[in-house]
Amino acid sequence: MQRRLVIAAAPALLWLRPARALNLTEGDANAGIRAALERGANAAVALLGRRDGFLGNPLVRIELPGYLKDAAKLLKATGQGARLDELVTAMNRAAEAAVPAAKPLLVKAVRDMSVEDGLRLLRGGDDSVTNFFADKTREPLHAQFLPIVTQATERVALADKYNAVAKKAAGFGLVRGDDANIQQYVTGMALDGLFRIIGEEERKIRRDPVGPGSAILKKVFGAR
């Protein structure tokens, strides 16, 4: 039999109205957070996995890292701006091409979520959703994204030059090791952006639980 979540036993649910909290089972809580995460993951993939999903979104747009971003200002002053813009566009297009491959793994992570995972996310802070998906899916998603990103960046002649310059910069401690390879850098940034947008989508659902599966979402998130 499912346990009832009472206020005394579940302080994390204090933001729910008392009557609502008293009638909320662990199953309800888990179903609600699972529905929120799956909807958020699908929305994030749809948002990012399209043209300008990264390039046109300032929250996740991929720029040149660290020292190279600063050096780009000097290069633009010497008339190299168009080529640098081409590289930045290519990096973001590569991320946009990779994101759709994430959907099956994200959905599986949500559907395999335990009751304990659900309750931890329900009571967690703003980064709990990001941390959940990162823990469950980052490594396999990195393996899926990398060849897609590699194929996309190989079309840009500047990619090899980026790696050559970044490798030298890394030797002086001006660029982090992973950022010294354009394929690794874009893959990591694409994953960071994906997890960030999933978290943003989940917070929207907490604030306004309307849409597919809204009955359980409203039960869990609809009263504050």
Protein backbone atom coordinates (compact mmCIF):
# COMPACT_ATOMS: atom_id res chain seq x y z
CA MET A 1 0.00 0.00 0.00
CA GLN A 2 1.31 3.43 -0.86
CA ARG A 3 2.16 5.66 2.07
CA ARG A 4 0.41 8.99 2.38
CA LEU A 5 2.75 11.96 2.41
CA VAL A 6 1.85 14.01 5.46
CA ILE A 7 3.35 17.39 6.26
CA ALA A 8 5.14 16.12 9.33
CA ALA A 9 6.82 13.38 7.34
CA ALA A 10 7.47 15.35 4.16
CA PRO A 11 8.58 18.92 4.92
CA ALA A 12 9.58 19.33 1.30
CA LEU A 13 5.89 19.45 0.38
CA LEU A 14 5.11 22.40 2.65
CA TRP A 15 4.68 24.59 -0.42
CA LEU A 16 1.52 22.57 -1.20
CA ARG A 17 -1.72 23.47 0.56
CA PRO A 18 -2.14 21.33 3.69
CA ALA A 19 -5.25 19.52 2.45
CA ARG A 20 -3.57 18.72 -0.84
CA ALA A 21 -0.40 17.48 0.87
CA LEU A 22 -2.36 15.24 3.22
CA ASN A 23 -3.95 13.41 0.26
CA LEU A 24 -0.88 13.09 -1.91
CA THR A 25 0.56 9.58 -2.14
CA GLU A 26 4.14 8.77 -3.02
CA GLY A 27 2.76 7.33 -6.25
CA ASP A 28 1.02 10.63 -7.03
CA ALA A 29 4.18 12.59 -6.35
CA ASN A 30 6.28 10.26 -8.48
CA ALA A 31 3.78 10.24 -11.35
CA GLY A 32 3.59 14.03 -11.26
CA ILE A 33 7.32 14.65 -11.37
CA ARG A 34 7.73 11.93 -14.03
CA ALA A 35 5.08 13.57 -16.21
CA ALA A 36 6.72 16.96 -15.70
CA LEU A 37 10.17 15.67 -16.60
CA GLU A 38 9.02 13.78 -19.68
CA ARG A 39 7.09 16.78 -20.94
CA GLY A 40 10.01 19.07 -20.16
CA ALA A 41 12.48 16.78 -21.92
CA ASN A 42 10.32 16.53 -25.03
CA ALA A 43 9.83 20.30 -25.09
CA ALA A 44 13.56 20.96 -24.69
CA VAL A 45 14.47 18.58 -27.52
CA ALA A 46 11.86 20.19 -29.78
CA LEU A 47 13.12 23.66 -28.90
CA LEU A 48 16.84 23.00 -29.35
CA GLY A 49 16.85 20.34 -32.06
CA ARG A 50 15.87 22.71 -34.85
CA ARG A 51 17.46 25.50 -36.85
CA ASP A 52 18.54 28.33 -34.55
CA GLY A 53 17.63 26.26 -31.48
CA PHE A 54 21.10 27.02 -30.13
CA LEU A 55 22.31 29.81 -32.37
CA GLY A 56 19.23 31.94 -31.79
CA ASN A 57 18.87 31.31 -28.04
CA PRO A 58 21.14 33.48 -25.84
CA LEU A 59 20.69 31.06 -22.92
CA VAL A 60 22.47 28.23 -24.74
CA ARG A 61 24.21 29.79 -27.75
CA ILE A 62 27.69 28.27 -28.05
CA GLU A 63 30.49 30.81 -28.24
CA LEU A 64 34.22 30.35 -28.52
CA PRO A 65 35.66 29.40 -25.12
CA GLY A 66 37.78 31.51 -22.83
CA TYR A 67 40.92 32.89 -24.38
CA LEU A 68 39.76 32.16 -27.92
CA LYS A 69 36.69 34.32 -27.41
CA ASP A 70 38.92 37.19 -26.30
CA ALA A 71 41.33 36.57 -29.17
CA ALA A 72 38.42 36.63 -31.60
CA LYS A 73 37.98 40.33 -30.91
CA LEU A 74 41.50 40.95 -32.19
CA LEU A 75 41.00 38.71 -35.20
CA LYS A 76 37.80 40.53 -36.11
CA ALA A 77 39.74 43.77 -36.04
CA THR A 78 42.02 42.29 -38.72
CA GLY A 79 39.14 41.38 -41.01
CA GLN A 80 38.69 37.77 -39.88
CA GLY A 81 35.23 38.36 -38.42
CA ALA A 82 33.29 36.53 -41.14
CA ARG A 83 35.38 33.38 -40.73
CA LEU A 84 34.96 33.39 -36.97
CA ASP A 85 31.22 33.90 -37.35
CA GLU A 86 31.20 30.91 -39.69
CA LEU A 87 32.88 28.79 -37.02
CA VAL A 88 30.44 29.87 -34.30
CA THR A 89 27.50 29.16 -36.59
CA ALA A 90 28.90 25.73 -37.42
CA MET A 91 29.33 24.87 -33.73
CA ASN A 92 25.73 25.76 -32.98
CA ARG A 93 24.42 23.94 -36.05
CA ALA A 94 26.30 20.83 -34.89
CA ALA A 95 24.60 21.03 -31.48
CA GLU A 96 21.20 21.49 -33.13
CA ALA A 97 21.82 18.40 -35.28
CA ALA A 98 22.82 16.28 -32.27
CA VAL A 99 19.98 17.08 -29.85
CA PRO A 100 17.17 14.99 -31.45
CA ALA A 101 19.21 11.86 -30.71
CA ALA A 102 18.74 12.59 -27.00
CA LYS A 103 15.00 12.00 -26.84
CA PRO A 104 14.93 8.18 -26.41
CA LEU A 105 17.53 8.21 -23.63
CA LEU A 106 15.87 11.08 -21.79
CA VAL A 107 12.46 9.44 -21.92
CA LYS A 108 13.93 6.14 -20.74
CA ALA A 109 15.63 7.85 -17.80
CA VAL A 110 12.30 9.36 -16.74
CA ARG A 111 10.33 6.14 -17.12
CA ASP A 112 12.96 4.18 -15.17
CA MET A 113 12.94 6.74 -12.36
CA SER A 114 12.44 5.30 -8.88
CA VAL A 115 10.05 6.63 -6.26
CA GLU A 116 13.07 7.88 -4.32
CA ASP A 117 14.32 9.77 -7.40
CA GLY A 118 10.89 11.36 -7.83
CA LEU A 119 10.63 12.54 -4.25
CA ARG A 120 14.19 13.85 -4.32
CA LEU A 121 13.38 15.90 -7.41
CA LEU A 122 10.11 17.14 -5.97
CA ARG A 123 11.89 18.52 -2.94
CA GLY A 124 15.06 19.51 -4.79
CA GLY A 125 16.39 22.93 -5.68
CA ASP A 126 16.64 24.67 -9.03
CA ASP A 127 19.44 22.40 -10.24
CA SER A 128 17.89 19.09 -9.17
CA VAL A 129 16.43 18.32 -12.61
CA THR A 130 19.67 19.19 -14.39
CA ASN A 131 21.61 16.99 -11.97
CA PHE A 132 19.17 14.10 -12.41
CA PHE A 133 19.47 14.04 -16.18
CA ALA A 134 23.21 14.65 -16.08
CA ASP A 135 23.73 11.72 -13.70
CA LYS A 136 21.50 9.37 -15.69
CA THR A 137 22.22 10.32 -19.29
CA ARG A 138 25.28 12.54 -19.75
CA GLU A 139 27.78 9.76 -20.45
CA PRO A 140 25.64 7.81 -22.99
CA LEU A 141 24.43 11.05 -24.59
CA HIS A 142 28.03 12.24 -24.98
CA ALA A 143 28.78 9.02 -26.86
CA GLN A 144 25.77 9.60 -29.12
CA PHE A 145 26.38 13.31 -29.70
CA LEU A 146 30.11 13.17 -30.43
CA PRO A 147 29.99 11.47 -33.86
CA ILE A 148 27.13 13.74 -34.96
CA VAL A 149 29.03 16.83 -33.85
CA THR A 150 32.23 15.52 -35.45
CA GLN A 151 30.52 14.99 -38.78
CA ALA A 152 28.99 18.47 -38.67
CA THR A 153 32.19 20.28 -37.69
CA GLU A 154 34.30 18.42 -40.26
CA ARG A 155 32.43 20.34 -42.93
CA VAL A 156 34.06 23.53 -41.67
CA ALA A 157 37.69 23.98 -42.65
CA LEU A 158 38.18 26.20 -39.61
CA ALA A 159 37.61 23.30 -37.22
CA ASP A 160 41.15 21.95 -37.65
CA LYS A 161 42.57 25.44 -37.16
CA TYR A 162 40.49 25.83 -34.01
CA ASN A 163 41.95 22.61 -32.62
CA ALA A 164 45.50 23.67 -33.47
CA VAL A 165 45.16 27.09 -31.86
CA ALA A 166 43.22 25.78 -28.86
CA LYS A 167 45.81 23.07 -28.22
CA LYS A 168 48.53 25.71 -27.99
CA ALA A 169 46.34 27.87 -25.76
CA ALA A 170 45.65 24.88 -23.50
CA GLY A 171 49.39 24.41 -23.12
CA PHE A 172 49.57 27.87 -21.57
CA GLY A 173 46.55 27.22 -19.36
CA LEU A 174 44.41 29.63 -21.35
CA VAL A 175 41.85 27.02 -22.44
CA ARG A 176 40.61 24.02 -20.47
CA GLY A 177 41.71 20.63 -21.76
CA ASP A 178 38.29 19.50 -23.01
CA ASP A 179 37.78 22.86 -24.73
CA ALA A 180 40.93 22.38 -26.80
CA ASN A 181 39.09 20.04 -29.16
CA ILE A 182 36.16 21.55 -31.02
CA GLN A 183 34.20 18.30 -31.16
CA GLN A 184 34.52 17.67 -27.42
CA TYR A 185 33.81 21.31 -26.64
CA VAL A 186 30.63 21.49 -28.74
CA THR A 187 29.40 18.13 -27.43
CA GLY A 188 29.83 19.28 -23.83
CA MET A 189 28.17 22.62 -24.47
CA ALA A 190 25.28 20.97 -26.30
CA LEU A 191 24.64 18.72 -23.30
CA ASP A 192 24.90 21.64 -20.88
CA GLY A 193 22.39 23.58 -22.96
CA LEU A 194 20.02 20.63 -23.22
CA PHE A 195 20.00 20.01 -19.47
CA ARG A 196 19.56 23.71 -18.78
CA ILE A 197 16.52 24.00 -21.03
CA ILE A 198 14.99 20.84 -19.55
CA GLY A 199 15.30 22.48 -16.14
CA GLU A 200 13.69 25.67 -17.44
CA GLU A 201 10.81 23.71 -18.94
CA GLU A 202 10.26 21.77 -15.70
CA ARG A 203 10.11 25.02 -13.71
CA LYS A 204 7.50 26.35 -16.13
CA ILE A 205 5.38 23.26 -15.49
CA ARG A 206 5.67 23.75 -11.73
CA ARG A 207 4.37 27.30 -12.17
CA ASP A 208 1.64 26.47 -14.69
CA PRO A 209 0.79 22.72 -14.90
CA VAL A 210 -1.47 22.84 -17.96
CA GLY A 211 -1.28 20.62 -21.01
CA PRO A 212 -0.91 16.89 -21.74
CA GLY A 213 -1.09 14.86 -18.53
CA SER A 214 -2.28 17.96 -16.70
CA ALA A 215 -4.53 16.08 -14.25
CA ILE A 216 -1.66 14.53 -12.31
CA LEU A 217 0.50 17.62 -12.82
CA LYS A 218 -2.20 19.82 -11.32
CA LYS A 219 -2.61 17.44 -8.40
CA VAL A 220 1.08 17.64 -7.57
CA PHE A 221 2.04 21.15 -8.69
CA GLY A 222 -1.26 22.99 -9.07
CA ALA A 223 -1.70 24.26 -5.52
CA ARG A 224 0.85 26.36 -3.66
